[in-house]
Amino acid sequence: VITINPSMSSFVTSLSYAAHPSKQSNQSNKAERQ
């Protein structure tokens, strides 16, 4: 499904987590709910 900039997606996600550690627990909780 995701064909445009696949490597950028994980890179941006990693940067987002590094910049906002509080998002890690929110994303983790969301993943667990899913």
Full PDB file with SEQRES, HELIX, SHEET, SSBOND, CRYST1, ORIGX, SCALE, CONECT and MASTER records, all heavy atoms in Angstrom:
SEQRES   1 A   34  VAL ILE THR ILE ASN PRO SER MET SER SER PHE VAL THR          
SEQRES   2 A   34  SER LEU SER TYR ALA ALA HIS PRO SER LYS GLN SER ASN          
SEQRES   3 A   34  GLN SER ASN LYS ALA GLU ARG GLN                              
HELIX    1 AA1 PRO A    6  ALA A   19  1                                  14    
HELIX    2 AA2 PRO A   21  ARG A   33  1                                  13    
CRYST1    1.000    1.000    1.000  90.00  90.00  90.00 P 1           1          
ORIGX1      1.000000  0.000000  0.000000        0.00000                         
ORIGX2      0.000000  1.000000  0.000000        0.00000                         
ORIGX3      0.000000  0.000000  1.000000        0.00000                         
SCALE1      1.000000  0.000000  0.000000        0.00000                         
SCALE2      0.000000  1.000000  0.000000        0.00000                         
SCALE3      0.000000  0.000000  1.000000        0.00000                         
ATOM      1  N   VAL A   1       0.805  -1.215   0.000  1.00  0.00           N  
ATOM      2  CA  VAL A   1       0.000   0.000   0.000  1.00  0.00           C  
ATOM      3  C   VAL A   1       0.836   1.262   0.000  1.00  0.00           C  
ATOM      4  O   VAL A   1       0.575   2.197  -0.745  1.00  0.00           O  
ATOM      5  CB  VAL A   1      -0.948   0.000   1.217  1.00  0.00           C  
ATOM      6  CG1 VAL A   1      -1.716   1.294   1.319  1.00  0.00           C  
ATOM      7  CG2 VAL A   1      -1.913  -1.169   1.121  1.00  0.00           C  
ATOM      8  N   ILE A   2       1.829   1.324   0.845  1.00  0.00           N  
ATOM      9  CA  ILE A   2       2.621   2.538   0.981  1.00  0.00           C  
ATOM     10  C   ILE A   2       3.831   2.440   0.061  1.00  0.00           C  
ATOM     11  O   ILE A   2       4.777   1.739   0.334  1.00  0.00           O  
ATOM     12  CB  ILE A   2       3.087   2.745   2.436  1.00  0.00           C  
ATOM     13  CG1 ILE A   2       1.909   2.667   3.398  1.00  0.00           C  
ATOM     14  CG2 ILE A   2       3.853   4.032   2.578  1.00  0.00           C  
ATOM     15  CD1 ILE A   2       0.830   3.713   3.174  1.00  0.00           C  
ATOM     16  N   THR A   3       3.781   3.150  -1.043  1.00  0.00           N  
ATOM     17  CA  THR A   3       4.852   3.042  -2.035  1.00  0.00           C  
ATOM     18  C   THR A   3       5.689   4.314  -2.146  1.00  0.00           C  
ATOM     19  O   THR A   3       6.757   4.290  -2.735  1.00  0.00           O  
ATOM     20  CB  THR A   3       4.260   2.733  -3.419  1.00  0.00           C  
ATOM     21  OG1 THR A   3       3.341   3.760  -3.761  1.00  0.00           O  
ATOM     22  CG2 THR A   3       3.583   1.389  -3.429  1.00  0.00           C  
ATOM     23  N   ILE A   4       5.210   5.396  -1.598  1.00  0.00           N  
ATOM     24  CA  ILE A   4       5.940   6.653  -1.711  1.00  0.00           C  
ATOM     25  C   ILE A   4       6.756   6.880  -0.439  1.00  0.00           C  
ATOM     26  O   ILE A   4       6.231   6.893   0.650  1.00  0.00           O  
ATOM     27  CB  ILE A   4       4.976   7.843  -1.905  1.00  0.00           C  
ATOM     28  CG1 ILE A   4       4.068   7.605  -3.109  1.00  0.00           C  
ATOM     29  CG2 ILE A   4       5.727   9.158  -2.035  1.00  0.00           C  
ATOM     30  CD1 ILE A   4       4.787   7.471  -4.431  1.00  0.00           C  
ATOM     31  N   ASN A   5       8.043   7.058  -0.591  1.00  0.00           N  
ATOM     32  CA  ASN A   5       8.962   7.343   0.515  1.00  0.00           C  
ATOM     33  C   ASN A   5       8.844   6.376   1.693  1.00  0.00           C  
ATOM     34  O   ASN A   5       8.726   6.799   2.832  1.00  0.00           O  
ATOM     35  CB  ASN A   5       8.742   8.769   1.035  1.00  0.00           C  
ATOM     36  CG  ASN A   5       9.096   9.799  -0.004  1.00  0.00           C  
ATOM     37  OD1 ASN A   5       9.999   9.593  -0.801  1.00  0.00           O  
ATOM     38  ND2 ASN A   5       8.403  10.917   0.004  1.00  0.00           N  
ATOM     39  N   PRO A   6       8.935   5.067   1.480  1.00  0.00           N  
ATOM     40  CA  PRO A   6       8.793   4.154   2.605  1.00  0.00           C  
ATOM     41  C   PRO A   6       9.889   4.320   3.660  1.00  0.00           C  
ATOM     42  O   PRO A   6       9.629   4.199   4.846  1.00  0.00           O  
ATOM     43  CB  PRO A   6       8.851   2.766   1.965  1.00  0.00           C  
ATOM     44  CG  PRO A   6       9.524   2.969   0.657  1.00  0.00           C  
ATOM     45  CD  PRO A   6       9.203   4.378   0.233  1.00  0.00           C  
ATOM     46  N   SER A   7      11.098   4.634   3.244  1.00  0.00           N  
ATOM     47  CA  SER A   7      12.168   4.791   4.230  1.00  0.00           C  
ATOM     48  C   SER A   7      12.015   6.084   5.020  1.00  0.00           C  
ATOM     49  O   SER A   7      12.370   6.152   6.187  1.00  0.00           O  
ATOM     50  CB  SER A   7      13.538   4.749   3.551  1.00  0.00           C  
ATOM     51  OG  SER A   7      13.640   5.806   2.619  1.00  0.00           O  
ATOM     52  N   MET A   8      11.452   7.095   4.394  1.00  0.00           N  
ATOM     53  CA  MET A   8      11.229   8.350   5.103  1.00  0.00           C  
ATOM     54  C   MET A   8      10.197   8.194   6.210  1.00  0.00           C  
ATOM     55  O   MET A   8      10.289   8.828   7.244  1.00  0.00           O  
ATOM     56  CB  MET A   8      10.766   9.440   4.133  1.00  0.00           C  
ATOM     57  CG  MET A   8      11.876  10.009   3.288  1.00  0.00           C  
ATOM     58  SD  MET A   8      13.171  10.760   4.283  1.00  0.00           S  
ATOM     59  CE  MET A   8      12.314  12.200   4.883  1.00  0.00           C  
ATOM     60  N   SER A   9       9.217   7.335   6.005  1.00  0.00           N  
ATOM     61  CA  SER A   9       8.170   7.138   6.999  1.00  0.00           C  
ATOM     62  C   SER A   9       8.758   6.667   8.322  1.00  0.00           C  
ATOM     63  O   SER A   9       8.464   7.210   9.380  1.00  0.00           O  
ATOM     64  CB  SER A   9       7.149   6.126   6.500  1.00  0.00           C  
ATOM     65  OG  SER A   9       6.185   5.902   7.485  1.00  0.00           O  
ATOM     66  N   SER A  10       9.611   5.648   8.300  1.00  0.00           N  
ATOM     67  CA  SER A  10      10.195   5.157   9.540  1.00  0.00           C  
ATOM     68  C   SER A  10      11.191   6.164  10.107  1.00  0.00           C  
ATOM     69  O   SER A  10      11.307   6.301  11.325  1.00  0.00           O  
ATOM     70  CB  SER A  10      10.865   3.808   9.320  1.00  0.00           C  
ATOM     71  OG  SER A  10      11.912   3.925   8.384  1.00  0.00           O  
ATOM     72  N   PHE A  11      11.895   6.878   9.239  1.00  0.00           N  
ATOM     73  CA  PHE A  11      12.832   7.885   9.695  1.00  0.00           C  
ATOM     74  C   PHE A  11      12.100   9.007  10.435  1.00  0.00           C  
ATOM     75  O   PHE A  11      12.485   9.419  11.519  1.00  0.00           O  
ATOM     76  CB  PHE A  11      13.614   8.447   8.505  1.00  0.00           C  
ATOM     77  CG  PHE A  11      14.564   9.548   8.868  1.00  0.00           C  
ATOM     78  CD1 PHE A  11      15.725   9.271   9.552  1.00  0.00           C  
ATOM     79  CD2 PHE A  11      14.301  10.861   8.532  1.00  0.00           C  
ATOM     80  CE1 PHE A  11      16.611  10.274   9.893  1.00  0.00           C  
ATOM     81  CE2 PHE A  11      15.178  11.870   8.872  1.00  0.00           C  
ATOM     82  CZ  PHE A  11      16.333  11.579   9.552  1.00  0.00           C  
ATOM     83  N   VAL A  12      10.991   9.484   9.853  1.00  0.00           N  
ATOM     84  CA  VAL A  12      10.199  10.539  10.479  1.00  0.00           C  
ATOM     85  C   VAL A  12       9.608  10.047  11.799  1.00  0.00           C  
ATOM     86  O   VAL A  12       9.592  10.762  12.791  1.00  0.00           O  
ATOM     87  CB  VAL A  12       9.090  11.040   9.518  1.00  0.00           C  
ATOM     88  CG1 VAL A  12       8.106  11.943  10.226  1.00  0.00           C  
ATOM     89  CG2 VAL A  12       9.717  11.755   8.341  1.00  0.00           C  
ATOM     90  N   THR A  13       9.133   8.811  11.818  1.00  0.00           N  
ATOM     91  CA  THR A  13       8.583   8.245  13.051  1.00  0.00           C  
ATOM     92  C   THR A  13       9.649   8.190  14.134  1.00  0.00           C  
ATOM     93  O   THR A  13       9.404   8.555  15.284  1.00  0.00           O  
ATOM     94  CB  THR A  13       8.027   6.834  12.793  1.00  0.00           C  
ATOM     95  OG1 THR A  13       7.013   6.926  11.807  1.00  0.00           O  
ATOM     96  CG2 THR A  13       7.464   6.224  14.055  1.00  0.00           C  
ATOM     97  N   SER A  14      10.858   7.757  13.786  1.00  0.00           N  
ATOM     98  CA  SER A  14      11.948   7.699  14.755  1.00  0.00           C  
ATOM     99  C   SER A  14      12.277   9.080  15.296  1.00  0.00           C  
ATOM    100  O   SER A  14      12.485   9.260  16.490  1.00  0.00           O  
ATOM    101  CB  SER A  14      13.207   7.097  14.119  1.00  0.00           C  
ATOM    102  OG  SER A  14      12.955   5.788  13.715  1.00  0.00           O  
ATOM    103  N   LEU A  15      12.326  10.064  14.408  1.00  0.00           N  
ATOM    104  CA  LEU A  15      12.599  11.431  14.848  1.00  0.00           C  
ATOM    105  C   LEU A  15      11.486  11.942  15.760  1.00  0.00           C  
ATOM    106  O   LEU A  15      11.743  12.605  16.757  1.00  0.00           O  
ATOM    107  CB  LEU A  15      12.741  12.366  13.642  1.00  0.00           C  
ATOM    108  CG  LEU A  15      14.015  12.238  12.831  1.00  0.00           C  
ATOM    109  CD1 LEU A  15      13.979  13.204  11.655  1.00  0.00           C  
ATOM    110  CD2 LEU A  15      15.226  12.512  13.693  1.00  0.00           C  
ATOM    111  N   SER A  16      10.268  11.624  15.420  1.00  0.00           N  
ATOM    112  CA  SER A  16       9.133  12.051  16.221  1.00  0.00           C  
ATOM    113  C   SER A  16       9.226  11.469  17.628  1.00  0.00           C  
ATOM    114  O   SER A  16       8.990  12.156  18.616  1.00  0.00           O  
ATOM    115  CB  SER A  16       7.829  11.612  15.558  1.00  0.00           C  
ATOM    116  OG  SER A  16       6.734  11.891  16.394  1.00  0.00           O  
ATOM    117  N   TYR A  17       9.560  10.194  17.727  1.00  0.00           N  
ATOM    118  CA  TYR A  17       9.702   9.568  19.042  1.00  0.00           C  
ATOM    119  C   TYR A  17      10.848  10.184  19.832  1.00  0.00           C  
ATOM    120  O   TYR A  17      10.729  10.417  21.022  1.00  0.00           O  
ATOM    121  CB  TYR A  17       9.936   8.067  18.902  1.00  0.00           C  
ATOM    122  CG  TYR A  17       8.704   7.276  18.583  1.00  0.00           C  
ATOM    123  CD1 TYR A  17       8.805   6.015  18.027  1.00  0.00           C  
ATOM    124  CD2 TYR A  17       7.431   7.767  18.834  1.00  0.00           C  
ATOM    125  CE1 TYR A  17       7.683   5.272  17.735  1.00  0.00           C  
ATOM    126  CE2 TYR A  17       6.304   7.029  18.535  1.00  0.00           C  
ATOM    127  CZ  TYR A  17       6.439   5.785  17.997  1.00  0.00           C  
ATOM    128  OH  TYR A  17       5.329   5.044  17.709  1.00  0.00           O  
ATOM    129  N   ALA A  18      11.952  10.446  19.150  1.00  0.00           N  
ATOM    130  CA  ALA A  18      13.094  11.028  19.840  1.00  0.00           C  
ATOM    131  C   ALA A  18      12.777  12.433  20.350  1.00  0.00           C  
ATOM    132  O   ALA A  18      13.165  12.815  21.441  1.00  0.00           O  
ATOM    133  CB  ALA A  18      14.304  11.063  18.907  1.00  0.00           C  
ATOM    134  N   ALA A  19      12.048  13.185  19.556  1.00  0.00           N  
ATOM    135  CA  ALA A  19      11.724  14.559  19.921  1.00  0.00           C  
ATOM    136  C   ALA A  19      10.615  14.628  20.966  1.00  0.00           C  
ATOM    137  O   ALA A  19      10.551  15.571  21.744  1.00  0.00           O  
ATOM    138  CB  ALA A  19      11.311  15.347  18.681  1.00  0.00           C  
ATOM    139  N   HIS A  20       9.727  13.643  20.976  1.00  0.00           N  
ATOM    140  CA  HIS A  20       8.571  13.658  21.873  1.00  0.00           C  
ATOM    141  C   HIS A  20       8.420  12.303  22.558  1.00  0.00           C  
ATOM    142  O   HIS A  20       7.564  11.510  22.168  1.00  0.00           O  
ATOM    143  CB  HIS A  20       7.296  13.984  21.091  1.00  0.00           C  
ATOM    144  CG  HIS A  20       7.373  15.263  20.344  1.00  0.00           C  
ATOM    145  ND1 HIS A  20       7.298  16.482  20.966  1.00  0.00           N  
ATOM    146  CD2 HIS A  20       7.545  15.513  19.031  1.00  0.00           C  
ATOM    147  CE1 HIS A  20       7.405  17.439  20.058  1.00  0.00           C  
ATOM    148  NE2 HIS A  20       7.564  16.882  18.883  1.00  0.00           N  
ATOM    149  N   PRO A  21       9.207  12.020  23.586  1.00  0.00           N  
ATOM    150  CA  PRO A  21       9.139  10.721  24.244  1.00  0.00           C  
ATOM    151  C   PRO A  21       7.740  10.379  24.760  1.00  0.00           C  
ATOM    152  O   PRO A  21       7.387   9.220  24.843  1.00  0.00           O  
ATOM    153  CB  PRO A  21      10.127  10.842  25.405  1.00  0.00           C  
ATOM    154  CG  PRO A  21      11.032  11.959  25.037  1.00  0.00           C  
ATOM    155  CD  PRO A  21      10.230  12.880  24.163  1.00  0.00           C  
ATOM    156  N   SER A  22       6.932  11.371  25.077  1.00  0.00           N  
ATOM    157  CA  SER A  22       5.589  11.093  25.578  1.00  0.00           C  
ATOM    158  C   SER A  22       4.734  10.408  24.522  1.00  0.00           C  
ATOM    159  O   SER A  22       3.791   9.693  24.845  1.00  0.00           O  
ATOM    160  CB  SER A  22       4.909  12.378  26.037  1.00  0.00           C  
ATOM    161  OG  SER A  22       4.749  13.261  24.946  1.00  0.00           O  
ATOM    162  N   LYS A  23       5.048  10.606  23.248  1.00  0.00           N  
ATOM    163  CA  LYS A  23       4.292   9.970  22.168  1.00  0.00           C  
ATOM    164  C   LYS A  23       4.528   8.469  22.145  1.00  0.00           C  
ATOM    165  O   LYS A  23       3.698   7.715  21.661  1.00  0.00           O  
ATOM    166  CB  LYS A  23       4.680  10.553  20.803  1.00  0.00           C  
ATOM    167  CG  LYS A  23       4.143  11.943  20.570  1.00  0.00           C  
ATOM    168  CD  LYS A  23       4.433  12.376  19.166  1.00  0.00           C  
ATOM    169  CE  LYS A  23       3.878  13.761  18.906  1.00  0.00           C  
ATOM    170  NZ  LYS A  23       4.120  14.184  17.535  1.00  0.00           N  
ATOM    171  N   GLN A  24       5.680   8.019  22.670  1.00  0.00           N  
ATOM    172  CA  GLN A  24       5.982   6.602  22.652  1.00  0.00           C  
ATOM    173  C   GLN A  24       4.925   5.814  23.402  1.00  0.00           C  
ATOM    174  O   GLN A  24       4.435   4.804  22.912  1.00  0.00           O  
ATOM    175  CB  GLN A  24       7.361   6.340  23.251  1.00  0.00           C  
ATOM    176  CG  GLN A  24       8.484   6.846  22.385  1.00  0.00           C  
ATOM    177  CD  GLN A  24       9.835   6.635  23.009  1.00  0.00           C  
ATOM    178  OE1 GLN A  24       9.977   5.951  24.010  1.00  0.00           O  
ATOM    179  NE2 GLN A  24      10.850   7.237  22.429  1.00  0.00           N  
ATOM    180  N   SER A  25       4.557   6.255  24.582  1.00  0.00           N  
ATOM    181  CA  SER A  25       3.573   5.515  25.354  1.00  0.00           C  
ATOM    182  C   SER A  25       2.202   5.606  24.695  1.00  0.00           C  
ATOM    183  O   SER A  25       1.451   4.637  24.694  1.00  0.00           O  
ATOM    184  CB  SER A  25       3.517   6.011  26.794  1.00  0.00           C  
ATOM    185  OG  SER A  25       3.106   7.356  26.836  1.00  0.00           O  
ATOM    186  N   ASN A  26       1.859   6.741  24.106  1.00  0.00           N  
ATOM    187  CA  ASN A  26       0.585   6.864  23.404  1.00  0.00           C  
ATOM    188  C   ASN A  26       0.531   5.917  22.213  1.00  0.00           C  
ATOM    189  O   ASN A  26      -0.473   5.255  21.981  1.00  0.00           O  
ATOM    190  CB  ASN A  26       0.349   8.299  22.927  1.00  0.00           C  
ATOM    191  CG  ASN A  26       0.094   9.258  24.066  1.00  0.00           C  
ATOM    192  OD1 ASN A  26      -0.268   8.836  25.158  1.00  0.00           O  
ATOM    193  ND2 ASN A  26       0.296  10.536  23.814  1.00  0.00           N  
ATOM    194  N   GLN A  27       1.604   5.860  21.435  1.00  0.00           N  
ATOM    195  CA  GLN A  27       1.657   4.963  20.284  1.00  0.00           C  
ATOM    196  C   GLN A  27       1.640   3.516  20.738  1.00  0.00           C  
ATOM    197  O   GLN A  27       1.006   2.669  20.127  1.00  0.00           O  
ATOM    198  CB  GLN A  27       2.905   5.245  19.430  1.00  0.00           C  
ATOM    199  CG  GLN A  27       2.861   6.552  18.687  1.00  0.00           C  
ATOM    200  CD  GLN A  27       1.785   6.571  17.618  1.00  0.00           C  
ATOM    201  OE1 GLN A  27       1.339   5.556  17.122  1.00  0.00           O  
ATOM    202  NE2 GLN A  27       1.338   7.761  17.270  1.00  0.00           N  
ATOM    203  N   SER A  28       2.345   3.216  21.820  1.00  0.00           N  
ATOM    204  CA  SER A  28       2.378   1.859  22.351  1.00  0.00           C  
ATOM    205  C   SER A  28       0.987   1.426  22.801  1.00  0.00           C  
ATOM    206  O   SER A  28       0.546   0.314  22.502  1.00  0.00           O  
ATOM    207  CB  SER A  28       3.368   1.781  23.514  1.00  0.00           C  
ATOM    208  OG  SER A  28       3.355   0.496  24.082  1.00  0.00           O  
ATOM    209  N   ASN A  29       0.283   2.304  23.507  1.00  0.00           N  
ATOM    210  CA  ASN A  29      -1.075   1.987  23.961  1.00  0.00           C  
ATOM    211  C   ASN A  29      -2.004   1.779  22.774  1.00  0.00           C  
ATOM    212  O   ASN A  29      -2.838   0.881  22.782  1.00  0.00           O  
ATOM    213  CB  ASN A  29      -1.624   3.095  24.864  1.00  0.00           C  
ATOM    214  CG  ASN A  29      -0.930   3.145  26.203  1.00  0.00           C  
ATOM    215  OD1 ASN A  29      -0.326   2.171  26.626  1.00  0.00           O  
ATOM    216  ND2 ASN A  29      -1.013   4.285  26.858  1.00  0.00           N  
ATOM    217  N   LYS A  30      -1.868   2.605  21.757  1.00  0.00           N  
ATOM    218  CA  LYS A  30      -2.703   2.483  20.570  1.00  0.00           C  
ATOM    219  C   LYS A  30      -2.428   1.160  19.860  1.00  0.00           C  
ATOM    220  O   LYS A  30      -3.352   0.467  19.440  1.00  0.00           O  
ATOM    221  CB  LYS A  30      -2.457   3.655  19.627  1.00  0.00           C  
ATOM    222  CG  LYS A  30      -3.358   3.649  18.423  1.00  0.00           C  
ATOM    223  CD  LYS A  30      -3.149   4.874  17.585  1.00  0.00           C  
ATOM    224  CE  LYS A  30      -4.089   4.855  16.409  1.00  0.00           C  
ATOM    225  NZ  LYS A  30      -3.966   6.043  15.600  1.00  0.00           N  
ATOM    226  N   ALA A  31      -1.143   0.802  19.736  1.00  0.00           N  
ATOM    227  CA  ALA A  31      -0.780  -0.461  19.092  1.00  0.00           C  
ATOM    228  C   ALA A  31      -1.346  -1.642  19.876  1.00  0.00           C  
ATOM    229  O   ALA A  31      -1.845  -2.603  19.284  1.00  0.00           O  
ATOM    230  CB  ALA A  31       0.731  -0.579  18.963  1.00  0.00           C  
ATOM    231  N   GLU A  32      -1.289  -1.575  21.199  1.00  0.00           N  
ATOM    232  CA  GLU A  32      -1.833  -2.649  22.024  1.00  0.00           C  
ATOM    233  C   GLU A  32      -3.343  -2.756  21.840  1.00  0.00           C  
ATOM    234  O   GLU A  32      -3.886  -3.860  21.757  1.00  0.00           O  
ATOM    235  CB  GLU A  32      -1.484  -2.431  23.493  1.00  0.00           C  
ATOM    236  CG  GLU A  32      -0.032  -2.713  23.804  1.00  0.00           C  
ATOM    237  CD  GLU A  32       0.339  -2.414  25.244  1.00  0.00           C  
ATOM    238  OE1 GLU A  32      -0.568  -2.297  26.097  1.00  0.00           O  
ATOM    239  OE2 GLU A  32       1.541  -2.300  25.519  1.00  0.00           O  
ATOM    240  N   ARG A  33      -4.033  -1.625  21.770  1.00  0.00           N  
ATOM    241  CA  ARG A  33      -5.483  -1.649  21.555  1.00  0.00           C  
ATOM    242  C   ARG A  33      -5.809  -2.258  20.192  1.00  0.00           C  
ATOM    243  O   ARG A  33      -6.759  -3.027  20.053  1.00  0.00           O  
ATOM    244  CB  ARG A  33      -6.068  -0.241  21.653  1.00  0.00           C  
ATOM    245  CG  ARG A  33      -6.197   0.273  23.075  1.00  0.00           C  
ATOM    246  CD  ARG A  33      -7.046   1.535  23.150  1.00  0.00           C  
ATOM    247  NE  ARG A  33      -6.636   2.590  22.240  1.00  0.00           N  
ATOM    248  CZ  ARG A  33      -5.745   3.530  22.523  1.00  0.00           C  
ATOM    249  NH1 ARG A  33      -5.150   3.565  23.700  1.00  0.00           N  
ATOM    250  NH2 ARG A  33      -5.442   4.456  21.630  1.00  0.00           N  
ATOM    251  N   GLN A  34      -4.999  -1.926  19.176  1.00  0.00           N  
ATOM    252  CA  GLN A  34      -5.231  -2.475  17.843  1.00  0.00           C  
ATOM    253  C   GLN A  34      -4.978  -3.982  17.833  1.00  0.00           C  
ATOM    254  O   GLN A  34      -5.704  -4.732  17.198  1.00  0.00           O  
ATOM    255  CB  GLN A  34      -4.365  -1.763  16.808  1.00  0.00           C  
ATOM    256  CG  GLN A  34      -4.841  -0.357  16.518  1.00  0.00           C  
ATOM    257  CD  GLN A  34      -3.970   0.371  15.521  1.00  0.00           C  
ATOM    258  OE1 GLN A  34      -2.789   0.077  15.375  1.00  0.00           O  
ATOM    259  NE2 GLN A  34      -4.544   1.340  14.840  1.00  0.00           N  
TER     260      GLN A  34                                                      
MASTER        0    0    0    2    0    0    0    6  259    1    0    3          
END                                                                             
